[in-house]
Amino acid sequence: MFGVKRVTVEEFKQLIETQQKCPESLPRVLQALWYDKKGNWKTAHEIVQNASDADSAWVHAYLHRKEGDLSNANYWYRRSSQPEFKGGLDQEWEQIASVLLMKVSEKWMLTN
C-alpha cells in the first residue's frame, strides 16, 4: 500500500488504525502524531518536548491545545511560526499531518 510516494492523511490514519506498533521509520514528529491519534498523549508529548525544530514545536503547540493549556500552546505556536489554530482538534491534527506528510513524502517508506 505504501511506497515512495506522498502518503495522504487518510492513508496515514488507516495505518494508525490497523497497526499496533508505530513504525520506527517515521520521522519523530509523525511518530508523535501517531501516538496522539492512538490516545497516548504522554508519549506524543515526550517525543516533541525537547526537540528544537519548528515542526516539533507545531505538534507541541497542538498537544498543549488539546490538553487545554492554551498559554503554553500559544508559546509553542510562536516557536513554530504557525498561527494559533481556530478550528477543531481533529481538523488541526489533519492539517499538521498533511503538511508533515508532504514534507517527508520522498524521505521515508512505510512497510507492512
Protein backbone atom coordinates (compact mmCIF):
# COMPACT_ATOMS: atom_id res chain seq x y z
CA MET A 1 0.00 0.00 0.00
CA PHE A 2 2.80 2.45 0.87
CA GLY A 3 5.89 3.12 -1.13
CA VAL A 4 7.95 6.13 -2.01
CA LYS A 5 5.06 8.44 -2.74
CA ARG A 6 3.05 11.08 -0.99
CA VAL A 7 1.10 9.36 1.75
CA THR A 8 -2.26 11.01 2.29
CA VAL A 9 -3.73 11.82 5.69
CA GLU A 10 -6.38 9.15 5.10
CA GLU A 11 -3.71 6.52 4.35
CA PHE A 12 -1.77 7.59 7.44
CA LYS A 13 -4.90 7.36 9.60
CA GLN A 14 -5.67 3.92 8.14
CA LEU A 15 -2.16 2.76 9.00
CA ILE A 16 -2.59 4.04 12.56
CA GLU A 17 -5.88 2.16 12.88
CA THR A 18 -4.57 -1.13 11.51
CA GLN A 19 -1.09 -1.33 13.05
CA GLN A 20 -0.42 -1.67 16.74
CA LYS A 21 3.21 -0.58 16.66
CA CYS A 22 4.40 2.77 15.39
CA PRO A 23 6.89 2.31 12.52
CA GLU A 24 10.32 3.44 13.67
CA SER A 25 10.98 4.63 10.12
CA LEU A 26 8.55 7.51 10.65
CA PRO A 27 10.08 10.89 11.39
CA ARG A 28 9.74 11.78 15.08
CA VAL A 29 7.06 14.43 14.52
CA LEU A 30 4.86 11.91 12.71
CA GLN A 31 5.51 9.39 15.47
CA ALA A 32 4.17 11.99 17.91
CA LEU A 33 1.02 12.39 15.82
CA TRP A 34 0.74 8.60 15.63
CA TYR A 35 0.82 8.22 19.41
CA ASP A 36 -1.59 11.10 19.89
CA LYS A 37 -4.08 9.51 17.48
CA LYS A 38 -3.68 6.21 19.37
CA GLY A 39 -4.68 8.04 22.56
CA ASN A 40 -1.20 8.23 24.07
CA TRP A 41 -0.77 11.97 24.65
CA LYS A 42 2.08 11.43 27.11
CA THR A 43 4.30 9.57 24.64
CA ALA A 44 3.46 12.06 21.89
CA HIS A 45 4.48 14.91 24.19
CA GLU A 46 7.70 13.18 25.24
CA ILE A 47 8.72 12.88 21.59
CA VAL A 48 8.41 16.60 20.82
CA GLN A 49 9.04 18.32 24.14
CA ASN A 50 12.83 18.58 23.82
CA ALA A 51 13.06 18.96 20.05
CA SER A 52 14.13 22.36 18.72
CA ASP A 53 12.76 22.32 15.18
CA ALA A 54 9.68 24.25 14.04
CA ASP A 55 7.68 21.15 13.08
CA SER A 56 8.10 19.64 16.55
CA ALA A 57 7.10 22.98 18.09
CA TRP A 58 3.94 22.92 15.95
CA VAL A 59 2.98 19.44 17.14
CA HIS A 60 3.89 20.52 20.69
CA ALA A 61 1.52 23.50 20.37
CA TYR A 62 -1.29 21.24 19.17
CA LEU A 63 -0.72 18.84 22.07
CA HIS A 64 -0.91 21.62 24.66
CA ARG A 65 -4.02 22.99 22.98
CA LYS A 66 -5.55 19.53 23.20
CA GLU A 67 -4.55 19.37 26.86
CA GLY A 68 -6.32 22.69 27.43
CA ASP A 69 -3.14 24.60 28.33
CA LEU A 70 -3.70 27.47 25.90
CA SER A 71 -0.99 29.80 27.21
CA ASN A 72 1.61 27.05 26.76
CA ALA A 73 0.13 26.19 23.36
CA ASN A 74 0.43 29.83 22.26
CA TYR A 75 4.10 29.85 23.25
CA TRP A 76 4.73 26.80 21.04
CA TYR A 77 2.71 28.24 18.15
CA ARG A 78 5.04 31.26 18.24
CA ARG A 79 8.09 28.97 18.33
CA SER A 80 6.74 27.07 15.33
CA SER A 81 5.90 30.25 13.36
CA GLN A 82 2.40 28.84 12.91
CA PRO A 83 -0.78 30.75 13.76
CA GLU A 84 -2.94 29.54 16.61
CA PHE A 85 -5.44 27.11 15.10
CA LYS A 86 -9.07 28.20 15.48
CA GLY A 87 -10.85 25.05 14.27
CA GLY A 88 -11.41 21.68 15.92
CA LEU A 89 -8.65 19.46 17.24
CA ASP A 90 -9.29 16.77 14.62
CA GLN A 91 -9.02 19.39 11.88
CA GLU A 92 -5.76 20.67 13.30
CA TRP A 93 -4.31 17.14 13.59
CA GLU A 94 -5.19 16.53 9.94
CA GLN A 95 -3.70 19.85 8.81
CA ILE A 96 -0.43 19.20 10.64
CA ALA A 97 -0.27 15.61 9.40
CA SER A 98 -0.95 16.70 5.82
CA VAL A 99 1.84 19.27 5.84
CA LEU A 100 4.32 16.94 7.52
CA LEU A 101 3.49 14.03 5.22
CA MET A 102 4.05 16.28 2.23
CA LYS A 103 7.43 17.36 3.60
CA VAL A 104 8.67 13.83 4.08
CA SER A 105 6.93 12.08 1.20
CA GLU A 106 10.15 11.17 -0.57
CA LYS A 107 12.27 10.60 2.52
CA TRP A 108 10.70 7.53 4.08
CA MET A 109 8.84 4.36 3.28
CA LEU A 110 6.29 2.51 5.34
CA THR A 111 6.35 -1.25 5.13
CA ASN A 112 3.60 -3.60 6.25
